C-alpha atoms as a PDB file:
ATOM      1  CA  MET A   1      76.237  83.398 318.749  1.00  0.00           C
ATOM      2  CA  THR A   2      77.852  86.370 316.212  1.00  0.00           C
ATOM      3  CA  ASP A   3      74.935  89.210 314.979  1.00  0.00           C
ATOM      4  CA  ARG A   4      76.350  90.161 311.682  1.00  0.00           C
ATOM      5  CA  GLY A   5      73.870  92.989 311.651  1.00  0.00           C
ATOM      6  CA  ASN A   6      75.063  94.711 308.322  1.00  0.00           C
ATOM      7  CA  ASP A   7      76.915  91.959 306.919  1.00  0.00           C
ATOM      8  CA  THR A   8      75.287  89.921 304.177  1.00  0.00           C
ATOM      9  CA  TRP A   9      73.905  86.608 302.586  1.00  0.00           C
ATOM     10  CA  GLY A  10      73.567  87.184 299.046  1.00  0.00           C
ATOM     11  CA  GLY A  11      73.487  90.739 299.989  1.00  0.00           C
ATOM     12  CA  ILE A  12      70.414  90.395 302.310  1.00  0.00           C
ATOM     13  CA  THR A  13      71.087  91.397 305.815  1.00  0.00           C
ATOM     14  CA  ALA A  14      70.084  90.086 309.173  1.00  0.00           C
ATOM     15  CA  ASP A  15      68.186  93.211 309.988  1.00  0.00           C
ATOM     16  CA  GLU A  16      66.252  92.867 306.937  1.00  0.00           C
ATOM     17  CA  LEU A  17      65.260  89.156 307.316  1.00  0.00           C
ATOM     18  CA  ARG A  18      64.471  90.242 311.110  1.00  0.00           C
ATOM     19  CA  GLU A  19      62.203  93.018 309.606  1.00  0.00           C
ATOM     20  CA  ALA A  20      60.613  91.078 307.190  1.00  0.00           C
ATOM     21  CA  TRP A  21      59.124  88.947 309.699  1.00  0.00           C
ATOM     22  CA  ASP A  22      58.920  90.917 312.870  1.00  0.00           C
ATOM     23  CA  SER A  23      61.313  89.350 314.379  1.00  0.00           C
ATOM     24  CA  ARG A  24      59.600  85.775 314.136  1.00  0.00           C
ATOM     25  CA  LEU A  25      62.556  83.873 313.473  1.00  0.00           C
ATOM     26  CA  ARG A  26      64.472  81.321 315.626  1.00  0.00           C
ATOM     27  CA  PRO A  27      68.269  80.701 315.412  1.00  0.00           C
ATOM     28  CA  ILE A  28      69.192  77.235 315.244  1.00  0.00           C
ATOM     29  CA  PRO A  29      71.895  75.799 317.333  1.00  0.00           C
ATOM     30  CA  ASP A  30      74.985  74.612 315.236  1.00  0.00           C
ATOM     31  CA  ASP A  31      74.660  70.698 316.607  1.00  0.00           C
ATOM     32  CA  LEU A  32      71.366  70.331 314.971  1.00  0.00           C
ATOM     33  CA  ILE A  33      72.408  71.383 311.439  1.00  0.00           C
ATOM     34  CA  ALA A  34      73.474  68.400 309.111  1.00  0.00           C
ATOM     35  CA  ALA A  35      77.694  68.479 308.611  1.00  0.00           C
ATOM     36  CA  ALA A  36      77.214  68.696 304.905  1.00  0.00           C
ATOM     37  CA  VAL A  37      75.866  72.202 305.157  1.00  0.00           C
ATOM     38  CA  SER A  38      77.688  75.156 303.781  1.00  0.00           C
ATOM     39  CA  PRO A  39      79.435  77.413 306.213  1.00  0.00           C
ATOM     40  CA  VAL A  40      77.136  80.475 304.707  1.00  0.00           C
ATOM     41  CA  THR A  41      73.946  78.447 305.046  1.00  0.00           C
ATOM     42  CA  ARG A  42      75.450  77.414 308.249  1.00  0.00           C
ATOM     43  CA  SER A  43      75.868  81.101 309.706  1.00  0.00           C
ATOM     44  CA  LEU A  44      72.585  82.110 308.324  1.00  0.00           C
ATOM     45  CA  LEU A  45      70.718  79.067 310.159  1.00  0.00           C
ATOM     46  CA  THR A  46      72.333  79.845 313.729  1.00  0.00           C
ATOM     47  CA  GLU A  47      72.672  83.665 313.709  1.00  0.00           C
ATOM     48  CA  VAL A  48      69.493  84.469 311.999  1.00  0.00           C
ATOM     49  CA  GLY A  49      67.691  80.932 311.889  1.00  0.00           C
ATOM     50  CA  LEU A  50      64.222  80.151 310.309  1.00  0.00           C
ATOM     51  CA  PRO A  51      60.780  81.657 310.620  1.00  0.00           C
ATOM     52  CA  THR A  52      58.489  80.430 313.490  1.00  0.00           C
ATOM     53  CA  VAL A  53      55.230  80.998 311.848  1.00  0.00           C
ATOM     54  CA  GLU A  54      53.281  79.450 308.830  1.00  0.00           C
ATOM     55  CA  VAL A  55      53.281  81.183 305.509  1.00  0.00           C
ATOM     56  CA  LEU A  56      50.598  80.120 302.947  1.00  0.00           C
ATOM     57  CA  GLY A  57      50.770  76.640 304.197  1.00  0.00           C
ATOM     58  CA  VAL A  58      54.653  76.509 304.526  1.00  0.00           C
ATOM     59  CA  SER A  59      55.966  75.792 308.086  1.00  0.00           C
ATOM     60  CA  PHE A  60      59.741  75.719 308.509  1.00  0.00           C
ATOM     61  CA  VAL A  61      61.267  72.897 310.139  1.00  0.00           C
ATOM     62  CA  SER A  62      62.759  73.285 313.907  1.00  0.00           C
ATOM     63  CA  GLY A  63      65.006  71.315 315.770  1.00  0.00           C
ATOM     64  CA  SER A  64      66.687  67.950 314.727  1.00  0.00           C
ATOM     65  CA  GLY A  65      65.019  68.140 311.624  1.00  0.00           C
ATOM     66  CA  LEU A  66      67.749  69.955 310.234  1.00  0.00           C
ATOM     67  CA  SER A  67      70.292  67.191 311.187  1.00  0.00           C
ATOM     68  CA  ASN A  68      70.232  64.779 308.218  1.00  0.00           C
ATOM     69  CA  VAL A  69      70.365  65.571 304.391  1.00  0.00           C
ATOM     70  CA  GLU A  70      68.238  63.305 301.765  1.00  0.00           C
ATOM     71  CA  ARG A  71      69.555  62.144 299.129  1.00  0.00           C
ATOM     72  CA  HIS A  72      67.494  61.627 295.827  1.00  0.00           C
ATOM     73  CA  ALA A  73      68.977  61.495 291.961  1.00  0.00           C
ATOM     74  CA  GLY A  74      72.825  62.231 293.058  1.00  0.00           C
ATOM     75  CA  ASN A  75      72.032  65.291 294.913  1.00  0.00           C
ATOM     76  CA  GLU A  76      71.925  65.859 298.783  1.00  0.00           C
ATOM     77  CA  TYR A  77      69.354  68.020 300.162  1.00  0.00           C
ATOM     78  CA  LEU A  78      69.055  69.609 303.564  1.00  0.00           C
ATOM     79  CA  VAL A  79      64.918  70.058 303.748  1.00  0.00           C
ATOM     80  CA  VAL A  80      63.818  73.489 305.469  1.00  0.00           C
ATOM     81  CA  THR A  81      60.082  73.015 305.623  1.00  0.00           C
ATOM     82  CA  ASP A  82      57.668  70.487 306.577  1.00  0.00           C
ATOM     83  CA  ALA A  83      56.231  68.527 303.446  1.00  0.00           C
ATOM     84  CA  MET A  84      53.211  70.052 301.884  1.00  0.00           C
ATOM     85  CA  PRO A  85      52.104  67.075 301.522  1.00  0.00           C
ATOM     86  CA  TYR A  86      54.929  65.759 299.370  1.00  0.00           C
ATOM     87  CA  MET A  87      56.782  68.793 298.487  1.00  0.00           C
ATOM     88  CA  ALA A  88      59.129  70.615 300.807  1.00  0.00           C
ATOM     89  CA  TYR A  89      61.571  73.554 300.121  1.00  0.00           C
ATOM     90  CA  ALA A  90      65.350  72.432 300.463  1.00  0.00           C
ATOM     91  CA  ILE A  91      68.815  73.621 300.196  1.00  0.00           C
ATOM     92  CA  ASP A  92      70.616  71.636 297.644  1.00  0.00           C
ATOM     93  CA  VAL A  93      74.127  71.255 299.766  1.00  0.00           C
ATOM     94  CA  ASP A  94      76.470  71.530 296.864  1.00  0.00           C
ATOM     95  CA  THR A  95      75.244  74.749 295.516  1.00  0.00           C
ATOM     96  CA  ASP A  96      72.971  76.200 298.294  1.00  0.00           C
ATOM     97  CA  GLU A  97      70.208  76.657 295.884  1.00  0.00           C
ATOM     98  CA  VAL A  98      67.032  76.410 297.419  1.00  0.00           C
ATOM     99  CA  VAL A  99      64.683  74.140 295.235  1.00  0.00           C
ATOM    100  CA  GLU A 100      61.323  72.501 295.424  1.00  0.00           C
ATOM    101  CA  PHE A 101      61.935  69.292 296.631  1.00  0.00           C
ATOM    102  CA  ASP A 102      59.754  66.477 295.230  1.00  0.00           C
ATOM    103  CA  ARG A 103      59.898  63.368 297.458  1.00  0.00           C
ATOM    104  CA  ARG A 104      58.016  61.295 295.293  1.00  0.00           C
ATOM    105  CA  ASP A 105      59.765  62.102 292.065  1.00  0.00           C
ATOM    106  CA  PRO A 106      63.161  63.943 292.159  1.00  0.00           C
ATOM    107  CA  ALA A 107      62.562  64.564 288.603  1.00  0.00           C
ATOM    108  CA  GLY A 108      60.130  67.248 289.872  1.00  0.00           C
ATOM    109  CA  THR A 109      62.363  68.877 291.736  1.00  0.00           C
ATOM    110  CA  ARG A 110      62.848  72.606 290.536  1.00  0.00           C
ATOM    111  CA  PHE A 111      64.663  75.778 291.609  1.00  0.00           C
ATOM    112  CA  VAL A 112      63.032  78.413 293.961  1.00  0.00           C
ATOM    113  CA  ASN A 113      65.998  80.705 294.730  1.00  0.00           C
ATOM    114  CA  SER A 114      69.646  81.290 294.570  1.00  0.00           C
ATOM    115  CA  ASP A 115      69.976  80.796 298.354  1.00  0.00           C
ATOM    116  CA  LEU A 116      68.186  80.252 301.544  1.00  0.00           C
ATOM    117  CA  ALA A 117      68.302  84.287 302.877  1.00  0.00           C
ATOM    118  CA  THR A 118      66.442  84.945 299.712  1.00  0.00           C
ATOM    119  CA  LEU A 119      63.756  82.465 300.173  1.00  0.00           C
ATOM    120  CA  ILE A 120      63.043  83.626 303.641  1.00  0.00           C
ATOM    121  CA  LEU A 121      63.241  87.297 302.751  1.00  0.00           C
ATOM    122  CA  TYR A 122      60.602  87.033 300.348  1.00  0.00           C
ATOM    123  CA  LEU A 123      58.447  84.636 302.082  1.00  0.00           C
ATOM    124  CA  GLY A 124      58.673  86.935 304.923  1.00  0.00           C
ATOM    125  CA  GLN A 125      57.483  89.785 302.586  1.00  0.00           C
ATOM    126  CA  VAL A 126      54.514  87.606 301.007  1.00  0.00           C
ATOM    127  CA  TRP A 127      53.602  86.967 304.677  1.00  0.00           C
ATOM    128  CA  ARG A 128      53.256  90.654 305.262  1.00  0.00           C
ATOM    129  CA  ALA A 129      51.677  91.500 302.157  1.00  0.00           C
ATOM    130  CA  ALA A 130      49.081  88.666 302.760  1.00  0.00           C
ATOM    131  CA  SER A 131      48.024  90.343 305.899  1.00  0.00           C
ATOM    132  CA  LEU A 132      46.931  93.127 304.182  1.00  0.00           C
ATOM    133  CA  THR A 133      43.228  93.890 304.376  1.00  0.00           C
ATOM    134  CA  GLU A 134      42.561  96.368 301.594  1.00  0.00           C
ATOM    135  CA  ALA A 135      43.083  94.666 297.922  1.00  0.00           C
ATOM    136  CA  ALA A 136      44.947  97.385 296.252  1.00  0.00           C
ATOM    137  CA  ALA A 137      47.511  97.446 298.690  1.00  0.00           C
ATOM    138  CA  ALA A 138      47.831  93.797 299.064  1.00  0.00           C
ATOM    139  CA  LYS A 139      48.043  93.668 294.809  1.00  0.00           C
ATOM    140  CA  ALA A 140      50.595  96.404 295.047  1.00  0.00           C
ATOM    141  CA  ALA A 141      52.787  94.867 297.841  1.00  0.00           C
ATOM    142  CA  PHE A 142      52.942  91.634 295.644  1.00  0.00           C
ATOM    143  CA  ALA A 143      53.779  93.617 292.715  1.00  0.00           C
ATOM    144  CA  GLU A 144      56.878  95.259 294.518  1.00  0.00           C
ATOM    145  CA  ILE A 145      57.958  91.913 295.681  1.00  0.00           C
ATOM    146  CA  ARG A 146      57.971  90.710 292.260  1.00  0.00           C
ATOM    147  CA  GLU A 147      59.963  93.660 290.859  1.00  0.00           C
ATOM    148  CA  SER A 148      62.225  93.289 293.900  1.00  0.00           C
ATOM    149  CA  LEU A 149      62.747  89.750 293.523  1.00  0.00           C
ATOM    150  CA  SER A 150      63.364  89.954 289.790  1.00  0.00           C
ATOM    151  CA  LEU A 151      66.450  92.341 290.561  1.00  0.00           C
ATOM    152  CA  LEU A 152      67.981  90.169 293.294  1.00  0.00           C
ATOM    153  CA  ASP A 153      67.171  86.506 291.736  1.00  0.00           C
ATOM    154  CA  PRO A 154      65.814  87.029 288.552  1.00  0.00           C
ATOM    155  CA  VAL A 155      65.654  83.458 287.339  1.00  0.00           C
ATOM    156  CA  ALA A 156      63.353  82.787 290.582  1.00  0.00           C
ATOM    157  CA  VAL A 157      60.709  85.068 288.668  1.00  0.00           C
ATOM    158  CA  GLU A 158      61.063  83.634 285.009  1.00  0.00           C
ATOM    159  CA  GLU A 159      57.731  82.664 283.630  1.00  0.00           C
ATOM    160  CA  GLY A 160      56.514  79.240 284.787  1.00  0.00           C
ATOM    161  CA  ALA A 161      58.755  79.613 287.869  1.00  0.00           C
ATOM    162  CA  PRO A 162      57.271  78.722 291.152  1.00  0.00           C
ATOM    163  CA  TRP A 163      57.749  82.361 292.511  1.00  0.00           C
ATOM    164  CA  TRP A 164      56.155  83.671 289.253  1.00  0.00           C
ATOM    165  CA  LEU A 165      52.986  81.285 289.774  1.00  0.00           C
ATOM    166  CA  LEU A 166      52.913  81.985 293.244  1.00  0.00           C
ATOM    167  CA  LEU A 167      52.966  85.798 292.842  1.00  0.00           C
ATOM    168  CA  ASP A 168      50.423  85.630 289.735  1.00  0.00           C
ATOM    169  CA  GLU A 169      47.951  83.784 291.913  1.00  0.00           C
ATOM    170  CA  LEU A 170      48.307  85.967 294.652  1.00  0.00           C
ATOM    171  CA  GLU A 171      47.809  89.193 292.760  1.00  0.00           C
ATOM    172  CA  SER A 172      44.916  87.500 291.110  1.00  0.00           C
ATOM    173  CA  ASN A 173      43.251  86.761 294.399  1.00  0.00           C
ATOM    174  CA  ALA A 174      44.035  90.433 295.827  1.00  0.00           C
ATOM    175  CA  GLU A 175      41.471  91.730 293.092  1.00  0.00           C
END
């Protein structure tokens, strides 16, 4: 395994990802990753990996769960989280975009982030902010996440988008 350290995925470094998750990331062996995955996403999975802890009911797939892609409505997706109960986060293998993947209704599939590194980084920041016990600190952390995400991946926080809805709910619950 090569440690990219200061190299980036969409401008995000391995060190930033590890810091967001307190190093609770597990690299995925290359032979367990579907052949259709892009070299950029493959390097992220093999060099940094996926979170090993659950955040807000989201658990990342491990092991052979990443060895196959699912085909729906003409697209191929690598599902990276366990279904919740029928929705999961998945990577569109043609674009590297992360989507909320609706197994029951592919038309319900919608954009979440431009790439997997962005999803991992911001879910890690949400995981850390959700553990804050002081309401004002948590609310400020969620607002900071929204602002940062709007600079890095603006479409992800457009009104009505999954991140916009999630951060609104988290900020409201922190009050």
